[in-house]
Structures are given as structure tokens and as C-alpha cells.
């Protein structure tokens, strides 16, 4: 990964932050984007203080012009774009279909699905240039969800639809560009340990494990570092024959009846 460049959306918290820190640690140059400039600037300084290289570009992924500007920054600043992790997304409370409002539908779909379309479109143009100029393979990883594989009473209509769409989009683009030295895969995390889920674990250990076993056969939440490591693997040459796949990180949750 030394000297190669990755663009990460939603990079300032949770899965995105863990991925940014890991890629910087293993030698990549990180272009981090999010809607929180102060946090992004602080994270970039943390990476640089540790000897890594990173830059922050504020961007709202629902705005294709801002997405394109972030990709252009990577090309202008580092001269290449080798990898992308399209991670940004939201999870909003949603009513059932006949009570659903159009504004929530459009906002969740725009953030979780349409943004991935805009990101990949801009990234692929830059990656074609990178492949041509540097004789390397490029990789895109999209953040989906195990909710993208089936319905769930814990999820909402638009979120579930969007995540199914991310997996379909990943597969279609992977097939389209397979002969052009570009691989596209997705990761599908199960319930993940983040700042948002930590308060739910403030219960006795036995009760906590029983609650988690109902979701994950290992009785654990997924750790953000597990997801970051999988993204790094998918971007590596060790995964050169993995294309158009969705990797579930759920401890076997999807395998349960």
C-alpha cells in the first residue's frame, strides 16, 4: 500500500475512521471526506503526527459536485487514485410503507445508494487515469450491510432498499469493468460496535451476551477494526481474484435460519 492513494467517504467516525487510520498505518495516502470539517482536520493531524500522510476534503456525498471535487483533489494533490471506500451513510427512523413520507425516502436513498453511484462514477474516471499512468490495478469497496441481503424488523424501508441496491450496483459495475484492471466489491457488516451502539451494552455481561446471541452466533458485535482490515485485504493483491463479491462480516448471522 506504500504511497498508494485511497479516498474514504464518511471517514471521520466509526468504520470510516478505523479504515482511514489503518490505511495510513500501512503506508497509503488517505483522502478523507465527511460533513464534519473540524473532526476531519483533527483526524488528519493525528495521522500526520503518527508519521502517516492524509488530507481532508469536506464533502456531502449527496452532492455530486462535492464528490467530484474530492476525487479531483486526490488527483491534483497526489496524482493518482488507487482505492476508494464508499462508506458514508445514514440510518434514520422510518415508518412502515403506507405511513412513509417521501422526504425520508429520498434522503435515505440519496445518502446510502445514489451517493455510491456518484462516487463510483467519479472514482472510475480517475482510476482509469491511474491505471494508465502507473500500471496498477485499482479497487473500489462499497459499504453495504447484512440488511442488504434480507428484510429486518430492526431496519427501515428506504435503508433496506438502499443496501440491497448497493450490492446490486457493486456486482453490475464489477462485471462491467472486470477487464479494465478495476475490481469492485462490497462489505456487509452486521451490528457493529460504534459510539452509537455502545450505550446499548451498558447491561450485565450475561444479559449482554444473551442479547447479542440473538443477532450474532458469536455473541459479539462486529468491531470496526475487523471491517477496516477486510477493506484493506480486498484492496490488496492477495484479493486479486475477488471481484463482484459482497463479504458479510456478521459472525454467521446470515447463516442462521
Protein backbone atom coordinates (compact mmCIF):
# COMPACT_ATOMS: atom_id res chain seq x y z
CA UNK A 1 0.00 0.00 0.00
CA UNK A 2 3.05 2.26 0.33
CA UNK A 3 2.44 5.57 -1.46
CA UNK A 4 -0.87 4.48 -2.97
CA UNK A 5 -3.94 6.68 -2.53
CA UNK A 6 -7.34 5.87 -1.06
CA UNK A 7 -10.45 8.05 -0.90
CA UNK A 8 -12.74 7.30 2.06
CA UNK A 9 -16.19 8.84 2.46
CA UNK A 10 -17.72 9.17 5.89
CA UNK A 11 -14.17 8.98 7.17
CA UNK A 12 -14.37 10.81 10.48
CA UNK A 13 -16.19 8.29 12.68
CA UNK A 14 -16.84 4.61 13.20
CA UNK A 15 -15.96 2.32 10.29
CA UNK A 16 -14.64 5.14 8.10
CA UNK A 17 -12.27 6.44 10.76
CA UNK A 18 -10.93 2.97 11.56
CA UNK A 19 -10.28 2.38 7.86
CA UNK A 20 -8.54 5.73 7.42
CA UNK A 21 -6.24 5.08 10.39
CA UNK A 22 -5.39 1.56 9.19
CA UNK A 23 -4.58 2.58 5.61
CA UNK A 24 -2.40 5.42 6.86
CA UNK A 25 -0.61 3.00 9.18
CA UNK A 26 0.22 0.61 6.33
CA UNK A 27 1.60 3.38 4.14
CA UNK A 28 -1.26 4.61 1.98
CA UNK A 29 -2.07 8.28 1.45
CA UNK A 30 -5.58 8.91 2.73
CA UNK A 31 -8.04 11.42 1.30
CA UNK A 32 -10.75 11.62 3.94
CA UNK A 33 -14.15 13.19 3.35
CA UNK A 34 -17.12 13.90 5.59
CA UNK A 35 -19.52 16.66 6.57
CA UNK A 36 -17.56 17.44 9.77
CA UNK A 37 -14.54 19.59 8.85
CA UNK A 38 -13.29 20.13 12.41
CA UNK A 39 -13.25 16.41 13.19
CA UNK A 40 -11.72 15.67 9.81
CA UNK A 41 -8.92 18.17 10.31
CA UNK A 42 -8.17 16.72 13.74
CA UNK A 43 -8.04 13.17 12.36
CA UNK A 44 -5.66 14.19 9.58
CA UNK A 45 -3.38 15.84 12.13
CA UNK A 46 -3.48 12.67 14.24
CA UNK A 47 -2.41 10.62 11.21
CA UNK A 48 0.41 13.02 10.36
CA UNK A 49 1.60 13.07 13.97
CA UNK A 50 1.93 9.29 13.74
CA UNK A 51 4.03 9.54 10.59
CA UNK A 52 1.26 8.91 8.07
CA UNK A 53 0.00 11.01 5.18
CA UNK A 54 -3.56 12.25 4.87
CA UNK A 55 -5.66 15.15 3.69
CA UNK A 56 -9.24 16.16 4.44
CA UNK A 57 -11.83 17.40 1.95
CA UNK A 58 -15.24 18.43 3.29
CA UNK A 59 -17.94 16.80 1.18
CA UNK A 60 -21.60 15.91 1.33
CA UNK A 61 -21.91 12.73 -0.72
CA UNK A 62 -25.47 13.60 -1.74
CA UNK A 63 -23.99 16.44 -3.82
CA UNK A 64 -22.27 15.01 -6.90
CA UNK A 65 -20.31 18.22 -7.42
CA UNK A 66 -18.74 17.87 -3.99
CA UNK A 67 -17.99 14.21 -4.68
CA UNK A 68 -16.30 15.10 -7.95
CA UNK A 69 -14.32 17.84 -6.19
CA UNK A 70 -13.00 15.35 -3.64
CA UNK A 71 -11.84 12.98 -6.38
CA UNK A 72 -10.26 15.88 -8.28
CA UNK A 73 -8.43 16.88 -5.10
CA UNK A 74 -6.93 13.39 -4.81
CA UNK A 75 -5.72 13.55 -8.40
CA UNK A 76 -4.39 17.09 -8.11
CA UNK A 77 -2.75 16.60 -4.71
CA UNK A 78 -1.37 13.07 -5.05
CA UNK A 79 -1.50 12.46 -8.81
CA UNK A 80 -3.45 9.21 -8.55
CA UNK A 81 -6.41 7.37 -7.03
CA UNK A 82 -5.79 3.68 -6.40
CA UNK A 83 -8.55 2.75 -3.98
CA UNK A 84 -11.90 4.02 -2.74
CA UNK A 85 -14.05 3.03 0.22
CA UNK A 86 -17.55 4.38 -0.29
CA UNK A 87 -18.62 4.22 3.33
CA UNK A 88 -20.82 7.24 4.06
CA UNK A 89 -24.40 6.50 5.03
CA UNK A 90 -27.20 7.23 7.44
CA UNK A 91 -29.69 5.18 9.41
CA UNK A 92 -32.91 7.10 10.05
CA UNK A 93 -36.11 6.10 11.88
CA UNK A 94 -38.63 5.06 9.25
CA UNK A 95 -42.34 4.25 9.47
CA UNK A 96 -43.96 1.36 7.62
CA UNK A 97 -44.72 1.78 3.92
CA UNK A 98 -48.26 3.19 4.00
CA UNK A 99 -47.16 5.80 6.55
CA UNK A 100 -43.80 6.56 4.95
CA UNK A 101 -43.03 10.13 3.89
CA UNK A 102 -41.34 10.96 0.61
CA UNK A 103 -38.73 13.27 2.16
CA UNK A 104 -37.28 10.50 4.34
CA UNK A 105 -37.30 8.06 1.43
CA UNK A 106 -35.39 10.45 -0.85
CA UNK A 107 -32.90 11.46 1.87
CA UNK A 108 -32.02 7.89 2.86
CA UNK A 109 -31.80 6.66 -0.74
CA UNK A 110 -29.71 9.68 -1.76
CA UNK A 111 -27.22 9.20 1.07
CA UNK A 112 -26.94 5.42 1.05
CA UNK A 113 -27.36 4.48 -2.63
CA UNK A 114 -27.31 7.37 -5.09
CA UNK A 115 -24.14 8.69 -3.44
CA UNK A 116 -22.38 5.40 -4.22
CA UNK A 117 -23.38 5.78 -7.87
CA UNK A 118 -21.94 9.31 -7.98
CA UNK A 119 -18.80 8.28 -6.10
CA UNK A 120 -18.04 5.32 -8.34
CA UNK A 121 -18.66 7.33 -11.49
CA UNK A 122 -16.08 9.96 -10.49
CA UNK A 123 -13.67 7.41 -9.00
CA UNK A 124 -13.62 5.17 -12.07
CA UNK A 125 -12.67 8.07 -14.34
CA UNK A 126 -9.73 8.87 -12.03
CA UNK A 127 -8.78 5.20 -11.71
CA UNK A 128 -8.62 4.76 -15.47
CA UNK A 129 -6.01 7.53 -15.50
CA UNK A 130 -4.17 5.96 -12.56
CA UNK A 131 -4.04 2.55 -14.24
CA UNK A 132 -2.75 4.07 -17.45
CA UNK A 133 -0.07 6.24 -15.82
CA UNK A 134 1.11 3.91 -13.05
CA UNK A 135 0.46 0.39 -14.40
CA UNK A 136 -1.51 -0.73 -11.35
CA UNK A 137 -4.84 -2.34 -10.61
CA UNK A 138 -7.42 -0.21 -8.78
CA UNK A 139 -10.09 -1.26 -6.31
CA UNK A 140 -13.42 0.11 -5.08
CA UNK A 141 -15.08 -1.21 -1.92
CA UNK A 142 -18.64 -0.19 -1.07
CA UNK A 143 -20.11 -0.38 2.41
CA UNK A 144 -23.39 -2.30 2.23
CA UNK A 145 -24.98 -4.19 5.15
CA UNK A 146 -26.36 -7.59 6.01
CA UNK A 147 -29.69 -5.74 5.75
CA UNK A 148 -28.91 -5.70 2.02
CA UNK A 149 -29.48 -9.47 1.97
CA UNK A 150 -32.90 -9.70 3.60
CA UNK A 151 -35.59 -7.70 5.34
CA UNK A 152 -35.44 -6.92 9.05
CA UNK A 153 -37.82 -5.64 11.69
CA UNK A 154 -34.89 -3.60 13.01
CA UNK A 155 -34.45 -1.73 9.72
CA UNK A 156 -36.41 0.79 7.70
CA UNK A 157 -37.89 0.60 4.22
CA UNK A 158 -35.55 3.02 2.46
CA UNK A 159 -32.43 1.81 4.28
CA UNK A 160 -33.11 -1.83 3.40
CA UNK A 161 -33.84 -0.91 -0.21
CA UNK A 162 -30.68 1.21 -0.46
CA UNK A 163 -28.41 -1.50 0.90
CA UNK A 164 -29.88 -4.10 -1.47
CA UNK A 165 -29.17 -1.56 -4.21
CA UNK A 166 -25.55 -1.07 -3.16
CA UNK A 167 -24.90 -4.80 -3.50
CA UNK A 168 -26.57 -4.91 -6.93
CA UNK A 169 -24.67 -1.83 -8.08
CA UNK A 170 -21.41 -3.35 -6.87
CA UNK A 171 -21.95 -6.55 -8.83
CA UNK A 172 -23.01 -4.81 -12.03
CA UNK A 173 -20.08 -2.38 -12.04
CA UNK A 174 -17.66 -5.20 -11.21
CA UNK A 175 -18.79 -7.17 -14.25
CA UNK A 176 -18.67 -4.09 -16.49
CA UNK A 177 -15.07 -3.13 -15.64
CA UNK A 178 -13.51 -6.52 -14.90
CA UNK A 179 -11.27 -6.37 -17.98
CA UNK A 180 -10.06 -2.85 -17.21
CA UNK A 181 -7.89 -3.61 -14.17
CA UNK A 182 -10.60 -2.45 -11.79
CA UNK A 183 -12.16 -4.62 -9.08
CA UNK A 184 -15.33 -3.69 -7.19
CA UNK A 185 -16.52 -5.44 -4.04
CA UNK A 186 -18.67 -4.70 -1.02
CA UNK A 187 -18.56 -5.38 2.68
CA UNK A 188 -21.73 -6.10 4.64
CA UNK A 189 -21.26 -5.58 8.37
CA UNK A 190 -23.65 -6.97 10.93
CA UNK A 191 -24.45 -4.92 14.06
CA UNK A 192 -21.21 -3.05 14.73
CA UNK A 193 -19.59 -1.63 17.85
CA UNK A 194 -19.61 2.16 17.40
CA UNK A 195 -20.30 5.21 19.53
CA UNK A 196 -23.97 4.82 18.64
CA UNK A 197 -24.22 1.19 19.81
CA UNK A 198 -22.03 1.43 22.94
CA UNK A 199 -24.83 2.72 25.23
CA UNK A 200 -26.86 -0.40 24.42
CA UNK A 201 -24.10 -2.51 26.01
CA UNK A 202 -24.43 -0.88 29.43
CA UNK A 203 -26.07 -4.01 30.84
CA UNK A 204 -24.71 -7.00 32.85
CA UNK A 205 -22.34 -9.26 30.80
CA UNK A 206 -24.65 -12.30 30.86
CA UNK A 207 -27.62 -10.23 29.70
CA UNK A 208 -25.44 -8.52 27.12
CA UNK A 209 -24.26 -11.81 25.65
CA UNK A 210 -27.79 -13.22 25.55
CA UNK A 211 -28.98 -10.12 23.71
CA UNK A 212 -26.14 -10.30 21.19
CA UNK A 213 -26.50 -14.04 20.60
CA UNK A 214 -29.93 -13.34 19.18
CA UNK A 215 -28.14 -11.42 16.42
CA UNK A 216 -24.66 -12.87 16.06
CA UNK A 217 -23.83 -16.55 16.76
CA UNK A 218 -20.52 -15.46 18.31
CA UNK A 219 -22.34 -13.32 20.87
CA UNK A 220 -20.39 -10.22 19.87
CA UNK A 221 -20.83 -7.01 17.97
CA UNK A 222 -18.61 -6.56 14.92
CA UNK A 223 -15.59 -4.39 15.67
CA UNK A 224 -14.82 -1.51 13.29
CA UNK A 225 -11.22 -2.75 13.02
CA UNK A 226 -12.48 -6.05 11.60
CA UNK A 227 -14.20 -4.16 8.81
CA UNK A 228 -11.19 -1.94 8.16
CA UNK A 229 -8.95 -5.00 7.88
CA UNK A 230 -11.31 -6.59 5.38
CA UNK A 231 -11.33 -3.45 3.24
CA UNK A 232 -7.52 -3.45 3.28
CA UNK A 233 -7.46 -7.12 2.27
CA UNK A 234 -9.88 -6.51 -0.61
CA UNK A 235 -7.64 -3.69 -1.86
CA UNK A 236 -4.51 -5.85 -1.67
CA UNK A 237 -3.04 -8.07 -4.38
CA UNK A 238 -3.93 -11.07 -2.20
CA UNK A 239 -7.55 -10.46 -3.22
CA UNK A 240 -6.83 -10.03 -6.93
CA UNK A 241 -9.36 -12.72 -7.92
CA UNK A 242 -12.13 -11.41 -5.67
CA UNK A 243 -14.44 -9.27 -7.78
CA UNK A 244 -18.15 -8.53 -7.66
CA UNK A 245 -18.44 -10.07 -4.20
CA UNK A 246 -20.13 -8.97 -1.02
CA UNK A 247 -18.28 -10.02 2.14
CA UNK A 248 -20.56 -10.43 5.15
CA UNK A 249 -18.92 -9.58 8.48
CA UNK A 250 -21.54 -10.87 10.85
CA UNK A 251 -20.17 -13.83 12.80
CA UNK A 252 -22.54 -16.11 10.94
CA UNK A 253 -25.73 -14.09 11.38
CA UNK A 254 -26.84 -14.51 7.77
CA UNK A 255 -26.27 -18.26 8.01
CA UNK A 256 -28.90 -18.60 10.73
CA UNK A 257 -32.47 -19.53 9.92
